[in-house]
N, C-alpha and C. Protein backbone atom coordinates (compact mmCIF):
# COMPACT_ATOMS: atom_id res chain seq x y z
N MET A 1 -14.61 -38.37 -12.72
CA MET A 1 -14.49 -37.40 -13.77
C MET A 1 -15.53 -36.85 -14.08
N LYS A 2 -16.68 -38.03 -13.92
CA LYS A 2 -17.86 -37.66 -14.41
C LYS A 2 -18.62 -36.64 -13.47
N GLY A 3 -18.33 -36.72 -12.26
CA GLY A 3 -18.88 -35.84 -11.27
C GLY A 3 -18.21 -34.49 -11.34
N GLU A 4 -17.21 -34.43 -11.88
CA GLU A 4 -16.40 -33.25 -11.78
C GLU A 4 -16.75 -32.57 -12.80
N ASN A 5 -17.16 -33.11 -14.10
CA ASN A 5 -17.65 -32.43 -15.19
C ASN A 5 -18.99 -31.75 -14.92
N GLU A 6 -19.80 -32.69 -14.24
CA GLU A 6 -21.14 -32.28 -13.99
C GLU A 6 -20.99 -31.04 -12.98
N MET A 7 -20.17 -31.16 -11.92
CA MET A 7 -19.95 -30.00 -11.03
C MET A 7 -19.63 -28.78 -11.88
N LYS A 8 -18.64 -28.82 -12.85
CA LYS A 8 -18.23 -27.73 -13.47
C LYS A 8 -19.61 -27.06 -14.28
N ARG A 9 -20.23 -27.91 -14.83
CA ARG A 9 -21.27 -27.33 -15.50
C ARG A 9 -22.45 -26.78 -14.79
N ASN A 10 -22.67 -27.35 -13.47
CA ASN A 10 -23.57 -26.74 -12.50
C ASN A 10 -22.98 -25.39 -12.04
N LEU A 11 -21.59 -25.31 -11.89
CA LEU A 11 -21.16 -24.01 -11.45
C LEU A 11 -21.26 -22.96 -12.54
N LEU A 12 -21.12 -23.50 -13.71
CA LEU A 12 -21.06 -22.47 -14.93
C LEU A 12 -22.43 -22.27 -15.00
N SER A 13 -23.51 -22.91 -14.80
CA SER A 13 -25.18 -22.70 -14.85
C SER A 13 -25.53 -21.57 -13.77
N ILE A 14 -24.66 -21.72 -12.62
CA ILE A 14 -24.97 -20.95 -11.43
C ILE A 14 -24.34 -19.62 -11.85
N ILE A 15 -23.14 -19.33 -12.56
CA ILE A 15 -22.44 -18.02 -12.72
C ILE A 15 -23.24 -17.39 -13.98
N ILE A 16 -23.80 -18.21 -14.84
CA ILE A 16 -24.83 -17.56 -15.91
C ILE A 16 -26.07 -17.01 -15.30
N LEU A 17 -26.91 -17.73 -14.51
CA LEU A 17 -27.74 -17.10 -13.74
C LEU A 17 -27.36 -16.13 -13.00
N ALA A 18 -26.61 -15.86 -12.38
CA ALA A 18 -26.16 -14.88 -11.47
C ALA A 18 -25.88 -13.40 -12.31
N LEU A 19 -25.33 -13.85 -13.24
CA LEU A 19 -25.05 -12.69 -14.39
C LEU A 19 -26.27 -12.29 -15.16
N LEU A 20 -27.27 -13.19 -15.57
CA LEU A 20 -28.68 -12.80 -15.96
C LEU A 20 -29.21 -12.01 -14.71
N VAL A 21 -29.31 -12.42 -13.61
CA VAL A 21 -30.01 -11.41 -12.45
C VAL A 21 -29.21 -10.21 -12.32
N VAL A 22 -27.85 -9.89 -12.41
CA VAL A 22 -27.34 -8.69 -12.42
C VAL A 22 -27.67 -7.96 -13.66
N ASN A 23 -27.60 -8.66 -14.70
CA ASN A 23 -28.13 -7.68 -15.86
C ASN A 23 -29.44 -7.30 -15.85
N ILE A 24 -30.59 -8.05 -15.43
CA ILE A 24 -31.97 -7.64 -15.34
C ILE A 24 -31.91 -6.41 -14.17
N VAL A 25 -31.21 -6.71 -12.95
CA VAL A 25 -31.22 -5.34 -12.01
C VAL A 25 -30.58 -4.14 -12.67
N LEU A 26 -29.40 -4.50 -13.40
CA LEU A 26 -28.89 -3.08 -13.77
C LEU A 26 -29.74 -2.62 -14.91
N SER A 27 -30.27 -3.48 -15.79
CA SER A 27 -31.17 -2.78 -16.73
C SER A 27 -32.45 -1.99 -16.10
N ALA A 28 -33.12 -2.53 -15.11
CA ALA A 28 -34.20 -2.03 -14.15
C ALA A 28 -33.69 -0.67 -13.88
N ILE A 29 -32.54 -0.51 -13.21
CA ILE A 29 -32.06 0.68 -12.61
C ILE A 29 -31.80 1.72 -13.72
N MET A 30 -31.29 1.21 -14.82
CA MET A 30 -31.09 2.06 -16.03
C MET A 30 -32.32 2.75 -16.74
N MET A 31 -33.36 1.97 -16.67
CA MET A 31 -34.57 2.44 -17.22
C MET A 31 -35.34 3.36 -16.17
N VAL A 32 -35.24 3.11 -14.90
CA VAL A 32 -35.54 4.12 -13.81
C VAL A 32 -34.98 5.54 -14.02
N SER A 33 -33.64 5.58 -14.11
CA SER A 33 -33.01 6.72 -14.08
C SER A 33 -33.27 7.52 -15.47
N VAL A 34 -33.27 6.66 -16.56
CA VAL A 34 -33.58 7.27 -17.81
C VAL A 34 -35.01 7.77 -17.96
N SER A 35 -35.98 7.05 -17.38
CA SER A 35 -37.46 7.64 -17.47
C SER A 35 -37.54 8.86 -16.54
N SER A 36 -36.73 8.97 -15.50
CA SER A 36 -36.88 10.01 -14.65
C SER A 36 -36.13 11.32 -15.14
N ALA A 37 -35.06 11.04 -15.78
CA ALA A 37 -34.45 12.10 -16.40
C ALA A 37 -35.35 12.57 -17.58
N SER A 38 -35.91 11.68 -18.39
CA SER A 38 -36.85 11.96 -19.49
C SER A 38 -37.89 12.97 -18.99
N ARG A 39 -38.48 12.59 -17.89
CA ARG A 39 -39.63 13.40 -17.54
C ARG A 39 -39.19 14.72 -16.82
N LYS A 40 -38.15 14.79 -16.37
CA LYS A 40 -37.82 16.01 -15.88
C LYS A 40 -37.28 17.07 -17.39
N THR A 41 -36.75 16.51 -18.22
CA THR A 41 -36.34 17.12 -19.54
C THR A 41 -37.74 17.54 -20.03
N ALA A 42 -38.62 16.89 -20.22
CA ALA A 42 -40.19 17.50 -20.69
C ALA A 42 -40.61 18.63 -19.91
N ALA A 43 -40.48 18.27 -18.53
CA ALA A 43 -41.07 19.22 -17.71
C ALA A 43 -40.27 20.74 -17.85
N LEU A 44 -38.86 20.76 -18.05
CA LEU A 44 -37.99 21.94 -18.15
C LEU A 44 -38.44 22.41 -19.54
N VAL A 45 -38.60 21.65 -20.54
CA VAL A 45 -39.04 22.25 -21.95
C VAL A 45 -40.58 22.89 -21.88
N ALA A 46 -41.31 22.22 -21.04
CA ALA A 46 -42.77 22.81 -20.97
C ALA A 46 -42.56 24.20 -20.18
N ASP A 47 -41.82 24.32 -19.11
CA ASP A 47 -41.77 25.43 -18.42
C ASP A 47 -40.88 26.52 -19.27
N ILE A 48 -40.02 26.19 -19.93
CA ILE A 48 -39.44 27.41 -20.77
C ILE A 48 -40.27 27.70 -21.75
N SER A 49 -40.95 26.89 -22.48
CA SER A 49 -41.87 27.31 -23.45
C SER A 49 -43.08 28.16 -22.83
N THR A 50 -43.33 27.81 -21.75
CA THR A 50 -44.55 28.80 -21.01
C THR A 50 -44.13 30.19 -20.79
N ILE A 51 -42.70 30.11 -20.29
CA ILE A 51 -42.14 31.56 -20.00
C ILE A 51 -41.91 32.20 -21.27
N VAL A 52 -41.43 31.66 -22.22
CA VAL A 52 -41.09 32.31 -23.61
C VAL A 52 -42.54 32.87 -24.20
N GLY A 53 -43.45 32.14 -23.94
CA GLY A 53 -44.91 32.28 -24.61
C GLY A 53 -45.19 31.58 -25.68
N ILE A 54 -44.77 30.34 -25.71
CA ILE A 54 -44.98 29.56 -26.99
C ILE A 54 -45.68 28.23 -26.24
N GLU A 55 -46.28 27.63 -27.10
CA GLU A 55 -46.74 26.20 -26.89
C GLU A 55 -45.99 25.14 -27.74
N VAL A 56 -45.80 24.09 -26.92
CA VAL A 56 -45.00 22.99 -27.64
C VAL A 56 -45.48 22.75 -29.05
N ASN A 57 -46.87 22.60 -29.19
CA ASN A 57 -47.43 22.27 -30.43
C ASN A 57 -47.93 23.26 -31.30
N GLY A 58 -47.48 24.53 -31.03
CA GLY A 58 -47.93 25.75 -31.95
C GLY A 58 -47.71 26.75 -31.13
N LEU A 59 -48.68 27.82 -31.83
CA LEU A 59 -48.77 29.32 -31.13
C LEU A 59 -49.79 28.98 -30.07
N PRO A 60 -49.47 29.77 -29.01
CA PRO A 60 -50.46 29.92 -28.01
C PRO A 60 -51.69 30.50 -28.19
N GLN A 61 -53.06 29.78 -27.81
CA GLN A 61 -54.30 30.08 -28.04
C GLN A 61 -54.89 30.76 -26.75
N SER A 62 -55.35 31.62 -26.86
CA SER A 62 -56.34 32.16 -25.61
C SER A 62 -57.25 30.96 -25.19
N GLU A 63 -57.58 30.81 -24.07
CA GLU A 63 -58.56 29.83 -23.83
C GLU A 63 -59.91 30.03 -24.23
N TYR A 64 -60.09 31.21 -24.59
CA TYR A 64 -61.40 31.50 -25.02
C TYR A 64 -61.59 31.69 -26.62
N THR A 65 -60.73 31.35 -27.35
CA THR A 65 -60.46 31.72 -28.81
C THR A 65 -61.41 30.59 -29.43
N LYS A 66 -62.02 31.05 -30.37
CA LYS A 66 -63.20 30.42 -31.29
C LYS A 66 -63.07 31.05 -32.69
N THR A 67 -63.76 30.02 -33.25
CA THR A 67 -63.88 30.66 -34.89
C THR A 67 -65.44 31.04 -35.02
N VAL A 68 -65.56 32.20 -35.41
CA VAL A 68 -66.81 32.85 -35.80
C VAL A 68 -66.97 33.13 -37.39
N SER A 69 -68.09 32.91 -38.16
CA SER A 69 -68.28 33.12 -39.16
C SER A 69 -68.06 34.60 -39.78
N MET A 70 -67.94 34.92 -40.92
CA MET A 70 -67.92 36.36 -41.04
C MET A 70 -68.97 36.98 -41.05
N ALA A 71 -70.19 36.23 -41.31
CA ALA A 71 -71.39 36.64 -41.14
C ALA A 71 -71.82 37.21 -39.62
N ASP A 72 -71.31 36.43 -38.95
CA ASP A 72 -71.70 36.99 -37.27
C ASP A 72 -70.44 37.93 -36.90
N THR A 73 -69.84 38.44 -37.69
CA THR A 73 -68.52 39.22 -37.16
C THR A 73 -68.70 40.72 -37.48
N ALA A 74 -68.50 41.54 -36.60
CA ALA A 74 -68.37 42.94 -36.40
C ALA A 74 -67.02 43.52 -36.14
N VAL A 75 -66.44 44.62 -36.70
CA VAL A 75 -65.11 45.06 -36.46
C VAL A 75 -65.23 46.36 -35.98
N HIS A 76 -64.35 46.34 -34.90
CA HIS A 76 -64.07 47.53 -34.17
C HIS A 76 -62.79 48.24 -34.33
N ASN A 77 -62.57 49.43 -35.07
CA ASN A 77 -61.36 49.75 -35.17
C ASN A 77 -61.16 50.73 -33.85
N VAL A 78 -59.97 50.63 -33.37
CA VAL A 78 -59.56 51.35 -32.31
C VAL A 78 -59.20 52.75 -32.71
N GLU A 79 -59.82 53.84 -32.31
CA GLU A 79 -59.62 55.24 -32.95
C GLU A 79 -58.45 55.65 -32.76
N GLY A 80 -57.64 56.17 -33.77
CA GLY A 80 -56.44 56.57 -34.07
C GLY A 80 -55.41 55.95 -34.09
N ASP A 81 -54.23 56.42 -34.55
CA ASP A 81 -52.83 55.69 -34.44
C ASP A 81 -52.30 55.54 -33.17
N LEU A 82 -51.61 54.54 -32.95
CA LEU A 82 -51.22 54.15 -31.57
C LEU A 82 -49.56 54.64 -31.77
N THR A 83 -48.91 55.21 -30.86
CA THR A 83 -47.54 55.16 -30.78
C THR A 83 -46.83 54.58 -29.57
N ILE A 84 -46.41 53.30 -29.69
CA ILE A 84 -46.15 52.43 -28.33
C ILE A 84 -44.66 52.46 -28.25
N PRO A 85 -44.09 53.10 -27.03
CA PRO A 85 -42.77 52.78 -26.90
C PRO A 85 -42.40 51.19 -26.47
N LEU A 86 -41.75 50.49 -27.12
CA LEU A 86 -41.18 49.26 -27.05
C LEU A 86 -40.08 49.04 -25.96
N LYS A 87 -39.93 47.94 -25.22
CA LYS A 87 -38.56 47.70 -24.22
C LYS A 87 -37.33 47.85 -25.14
N LYS A 88 -36.38 48.28 -24.49
CA LYS A 88 -35.18 48.71 -25.07
C LYS A 88 -34.60 47.29 -25.35
N GLY A 89 -33.99 47.11 -26.34
CA GLY A 89 -33.23 45.72 -26.85
C GLY A 89 -31.69 45.73 -26.45
N GLU A 90 -31.18 44.94 -27.19
CA GLU A 90 -29.61 44.73 -27.27
C GLU A 90 -28.86 46.10 -27.35
N ASP A 91 -29.54 46.84 -28.51
CA ASP A 91 -28.93 47.99 -28.94
C ASP A 91 -28.81 49.27 -27.96
N GLY A 92 -29.84 49.02 -27.02
CA GLY A 92 -30.03 50.19 -25.93
C GLY A 92 -30.94 51.60 -26.52
N ALA A 93 -31.11 51.34 -27.98
CA ALA A 93 -31.92 52.69 -28.43
C ALA A 93 -33.30 52.52 -28.12
N ASP A 94 -34.01 53.55 -28.54
CA ASP A 94 -35.42 53.93 -27.98
C ASP A 94 -36.10 53.28 -29.36
N HIS A 95 -37.14 52.29 -29.27
CA HIS A 95 -37.80 52.08 -30.30
C HIS A 95 -39.31 52.20 -30.23
N TYR A 96 -40.40 52.18 -31.29
CA TYR A 96 -41.62 52.56 -31.10
C TYR A 96 -42.13 51.66 -32.22
N ALA A 97 -43.62 51.27 -31.86
CA ALA A 97 -44.34 50.53 -32.70
C ALA A 97 -45.45 51.67 -32.91
N VAL A 98 -45.73 51.67 -34.24
CA VAL A 98 -46.89 53.04 -34.73
C VAL A 98 -47.83 52.09 -35.72
N GLY A 99 -49.04 52.07 -35.17
CA GLY A 99 -50.20 51.73 -36.25
C GLY A 99 -51.48 51.93 -35.58
N SER A 100 -52.37 50.74 -35.91
CA SER A 100 -53.60 50.83 -35.57
C SER A 100 -53.95 49.27 -35.14
N VAL A 101 -55.03 49.28 -34.38
CA VAL A 101 -55.61 47.88 -33.80
C VAL A 101 -57.06 47.93 -34.06
N SER A 102 -57.65 46.72 -34.47
CA SER A 102 -58.79 46.40 -34.92
C SER A 102 -59.32 44.84 -34.01
N LEU A 103 -60.56 45.23 -33.64
CA LEU A 103 -61.08 43.86 -32.77
C LEU A 103 -62.16 43.26 -33.52
N SER A 104 -62.14 41.88 -33.65
CA SER A 104 -63.28 41.06 -34.09
C SER A 104 -64.41 40.70 -33.06
N LEU A 105 -65.52 41.01 -33.43
CA LEU A 105 -66.47 40.95 -32.14
C LEU A 105 -67.58 39.92 -32.80
N ASP A 106 -67.81 38.93 -31.94
CA ASP A 106 -69.05 37.99 -32.36
C ASP A 106 -70.29 38.70 -31.97
N THR A 107 -71.12 38.96 -33.25
CA THR A 107 -72.50 39.54 -32.89
C THR A 107 -73.42 38.51 -32.29
N LYS A 108 -73.33 37.14 -32.21
CA LYS A 108 -73.91 36.12 -31.80
C LYS A 108 -73.92 36.01 -30.15
N ASN A 109 -72.66 36.49 -29.50
CA ASN A 109 -72.54 36.34 -28.12
C ASN A 109 -73.44 37.25 -27.30
N LYS A 110 -73.79 36.78 -26.21
CA LYS A 110 -74.73 37.44 -25.39
C LYS A 110 -74.31 38.89 -24.94
N ASP A 111 -72.96 39.02 -25.04
CA ASP A 111 -72.55 40.50 -24.37
C ASP A 111 -72.21 41.49 -25.53
N TYR A 112 -72.30 41.03 -26.74
CA TYR A 112 -72.26 41.90 -27.71
C TYR A 112 -73.18 42.96 -27.58
N LYS A 113 -74.31 42.65 -27.38
CA LYS A 113 -75.52 43.98 -27.35
C LYS A 113 -74.91 44.97 -26.28
N ASN A 114 -74.64 44.22 -25.08
CA ASN A 114 -74.04 45.18 -24.00
C ASN A 114 -73.17 46.18 -24.32
N TYR A 115 -72.13 45.69 -25.10
CA TYR A 115 -70.77 46.61 -25.29
C TYR A 115 -71.00 47.22 -26.86
N SER A 116 -71.48 46.63 -27.78
CA SER A 116 -71.41 47.13 -29.07
C SER A 116 -71.61 48.57 -29.26
N GLU A 117 -72.44 49.23 -28.45
CA GLU A 117 -72.86 50.49 -28.82
C GLU A 117 -71.89 51.52 -28.06
N THR A 118 -71.25 50.96 -27.11
CA THR A 118 -70.18 51.73 -26.10
C THR A 118 -68.91 51.31 -26.40
N MET A 119 -68.61 50.78 -27.66
CA MET A 119 -67.13 50.17 -27.81
C MET A 119 -66.23 51.28 -27.86
N SER A 120 -66.40 52.53 -28.52
CA SER A 120 -65.95 53.51 -28.79
C SER A 120 -65.45 54.26 -27.53
N ASP A 121 -66.28 54.07 -26.49
CA ASP A 121 -66.01 54.70 -25.04
C ASP A 121 -65.04 53.78 -24.32
N MET A 122 -64.81 52.77 -24.86
CA MET A 122 -63.96 51.54 -24.20
C MET A 122 -62.36 51.74 -24.81
N ASP A 123 -62.29 52.44 -25.97
CA ASP A 123 -61.09 52.80 -26.49
C ASP A 123 -59.88 52.91 -25.67
N GLY A 124 -60.08 53.75 -24.51
CA GLY A 124 -58.72 54.04 -23.77
C GLY A 124 -58.51 52.71 -22.84
N ILE A 125 -59.51 51.85 -22.46
CA ILE A 125 -59.23 50.71 -21.76
C ILE A 125 -58.55 49.83 -22.90
N ILE A 126 -58.85 49.70 -24.08
CA ILE A 126 -58.22 48.76 -24.99
C ILE A 126 -56.93 49.25 -25.27
N LYS A 127 -56.81 50.45 -25.52
CA LYS A 127 -55.49 51.07 -25.78
C LYS A 127 -54.30 50.75 -24.54
N ASP A 128 -54.98 51.04 -23.21
CA ASP A 128 -54.01 50.57 -22.36
C ASP A 128 -53.63 49.23 -22.27
N ILE A 129 -54.50 48.17 -22.40
CA ILE A 129 -54.09 46.77 -22.73
C ILE A 129 -53.02 46.65 -23.72
N VAL A 130 -53.46 47.14 -24.94
CA VAL A 130 -52.26 47.16 -26.09
C VAL A 130 -50.94 47.60 -25.55
N PHE A 131 -50.97 48.80 -25.04
CA PHE A 131 -49.76 49.54 -24.68
C PHE A 131 -48.99 48.66 -23.56
N ALA A 132 -49.69 48.03 -22.68
CA ALA A 132 -49.06 47.29 -21.61
C ALA A 132 -48.58 45.90 -22.35
N VAL A 133 -49.17 45.39 -23.29
CA VAL A 133 -48.66 44.02 -23.57
C VAL A 133 -47.49 44.41 -24.52
N MET A 134 -47.60 45.34 -25.58
CA MET A 134 -46.70 45.62 -26.53
C MET A 134 -45.44 46.18 -25.91
N GLY A 135 -45.49 47.03 -24.81
CA GLY A 135 -44.29 47.41 -24.13
C GLY A 135 -43.55 46.42 -23.49
N ASN A 136 -43.82 45.20 -23.30
CA ASN A 136 -42.96 44.25 -22.88
C ASN A 136 -42.16 43.46 -23.84
N TYR A 137 -42.30 44.04 -24.76
CA TYR A 137 -41.41 43.28 -26.01
C TYR A 137 -40.43 44.46 -26.68
N THR A 138 -39.20 43.83 -27.04
CA THR A 138 -38.40 44.62 -27.85
C THR A 138 -38.90 44.60 -29.20
N VAL A 139 -38.35 45.56 -29.94
CA VAL A 139 -38.58 45.69 -31.43
C VAL A 139 -38.30 44.31 -32.28
N ASP A 140 -37.18 43.53 -32.02
CA ASP A 140 -37.24 42.24 -32.70
C ASP A 140 -38.16 41.34 -32.08
N GLU A 141 -38.16 41.40 -30.80
CA GLU A 141 -39.42 40.56 -30.38
C GLU A 141 -40.90 40.51 -31.00
N ALA A 142 -41.09 42.00 -31.18
CA ALA A 142 -42.48 42.33 -31.69
C ALA A 142 -42.49 42.04 -33.02
N ARG A 143 -41.42 42.35 -33.86
CA ARG A 143 -41.44 41.95 -35.36
C ARG A 143 -41.65 40.32 -35.40
N SER A 144 -41.12 39.59 -34.65
CA SER A 144 -40.98 38.01 -34.69
C SER A 144 -42.02 37.32 -34.20
N SER A 145 -42.76 37.99 -33.28
CA SER A 145 -43.87 37.23 -32.38
C SER A 145 -45.29 38.12 -32.39
N SER A 146 -45.59 38.25 -33.60
CA SER A 146 -47.11 39.11 -33.60
C SER A 146 -48.10 38.22 -33.19
N GLU A 147 -47.91 36.94 -33.63
CA GLU A 147 -49.23 36.09 -33.20
C GLU A 147 -49.22 35.73 -31.93
N VAL A 148 -48.08 35.70 -31.07
CA VAL A 148 -48.05 35.63 -29.66
C VAL A 148 -48.53 36.90 -28.95
N ILE A 149 -48.26 38.03 -29.49
CA ILE A 149 -48.81 39.03 -28.97
C ILE A 149 -50.22 39.46 -29.00
N LYS A 150 -50.53 39.05 -30.24
CA LYS A 150 -52.04 39.11 -30.42
C LYS A 150 -52.80 38.32 -29.53
N ALA A 151 -52.29 37.00 -29.26
CA ALA A 151 -52.98 36.13 -28.35
C ALA A 151 -52.98 36.63 -26.77
N GLU A 152 -52.03 37.40 -26.61
CA GLU A 152 -51.74 37.86 -25.24
C GLU A 152 -52.87 38.92 -25.14
N ILE A 153 -52.77 39.99 -26.24
CA ILE A 153 -53.62 40.81 -26.09
C ILE A 153 -55.03 40.46 -25.96
N LEU A 154 -55.45 39.46 -26.77
CA LEU A 154 -56.88 38.88 -26.81
C LEU A 154 -57.18 38.33 -25.46
N THR A 155 -56.25 37.72 -24.85
CA THR A 155 -56.60 37.17 -23.48
C THR A 155 -56.77 38.10 -22.46
N LYS A 156 -55.91 39.25 -22.48
CA LYS A 156 -56.10 40.34 -21.48
C LYS A 156 -57.51 41.14 -21.75
N LEU A 157 -57.84 41.13 -22.95
CA LEU A 157 -59.09 41.92 -23.20
C LEU A 157 -60.34 41.04 -22.97
N GLN A 158 -60.07 39.73 -23.15
CA GLN A 158 -61.36 38.86 -22.76
C GLN A 158 -61.34 38.79 -21.08
N GLU A 159 -60.43 38.73 -20.43
CA GLU A 159 -60.37 38.92 -18.83
C GLU A 159 -60.83 40.25 -18.60
N ARG A 160 -60.61 41.23 -19.29
CA ARG A 160 -60.97 42.69 -18.72
C ARG A 160 -62.47 42.69 -19.08
N PHE A 161 -62.80 42.45 -20.03
CA PHE A 161 -64.53 42.50 -20.23
C PHE A 161 -65.26 41.32 -19.74
N ASP A 162 -64.43 40.45 -19.33
CA ASP A 162 -65.22 39.17 -18.83
C ASP A 162 -66.13 38.52 -19.58
N SER A 163 -65.73 38.54 -20.84
CA SER A 163 -66.43 37.84 -21.98
C SER A 163 -65.71 37.45 -23.20
N THR A 164 -66.33 36.74 -24.02
CA THR A 164 -65.60 36.31 -25.11
C THR A 164 -66.00 36.87 -26.48
N PHE A 165 -66.82 37.92 -26.38
CA PHE A 165 -67.44 38.44 -27.52
C PHE A 165 -66.07 39.19 -28.35
N ILE A 166 -65.29 39.37 -27.77
CA ILE A 166 -63.97 39.85 -28.64
C ILE A 166 -63.28 38.32 -29.00
N TYR A 167 -63.40 38.03 -29.98
CA TYR A 167 -62.61 36.75 -30.42
C TYR A 167 -61.45 36.77 -31.16
N SER A 168 -61.08 38.11 -31.68
CA SER A 168 -59.81 38.15 -32.47
C SER A 168 -59.46 39.73 -32.38
N VAL A 169 -57.90 39.57 -32.52
CA VAL A 169 -57.23 41.03 -32.41
C VAL A 169 -56.18 40.97 -33.48
N SER A 170 -56.51 42.28 -34.37
CA SER A 170 -55.59 42.32 -35.60
C SER A 170 -54.91 43.53 -35.51
N TYR A 171 -53.72 43.83 -35.63
CA TYR A 171 -53.05 45.03 -36.00
C TYR A 171 -51.86 45.41 -37.07
N ASN A 172 -51.77 46.44 -37.12
CA ASN A 172 -50.72 46.67 -38.46
C ASN A 172 -49.75 47.93 -37.78
N PHE A 173 -48.74 47.33 -37.56
CA PHE A 173 -47.71 48.29 -36.79
C PHE A 173 -46.63 48.32 -37.69
N LEU A 174 -45.98 49.56 -37.61
CA LEU A 174 -44.49 49.84 -38.18
C LEU A 174 -43.77 49.92 -37.16
N TYR A 175 -42.49 49.56 -37.22
CA TYR A 175 -41.59 49.49 -36.15
C TYR A 175 -40.46 50.48 -36.60
N ASN A 176 -39.92 51.37 -35.55
CA ASN A 176 -38.67 51.97 -35.77
C ASN A 176 -37.82 52.12 -34.50
């Protein structure tokens, strides 16, 4: 009897040990699959936010965005009011943005002297970029995404001028 009880205890210990090993293996498999799915979900969210034009932690920023004191800022008002045709929305109607654009320029930047005297001559290039960017948005998107649009315009201007002397874009548009 004594040997039989001891054998039952040993068998029970072996079963418990086997169940523990199975539990550890299943837990490891589950952790690998959950972490893999989590990484894929995070990548998907990042891709979608990039396409939509937002950053997960806030508004998109130009890679050249910086803060400049008001004492070191000059403002260039793009001449004339702009009437920009917007992308057709769900209603299928034609909508326009009508208003003006201003650029904030860093007077301490090395390129400021090169461009400051001829900025008025560059208004055509600036308007072309504003038209191209704004024309990609519907009226509803333009109303709700002004900071995204400003950041996109700024990035395109900085790329076009190959300089960061333009550090901010401001506009005042009415939409119809």
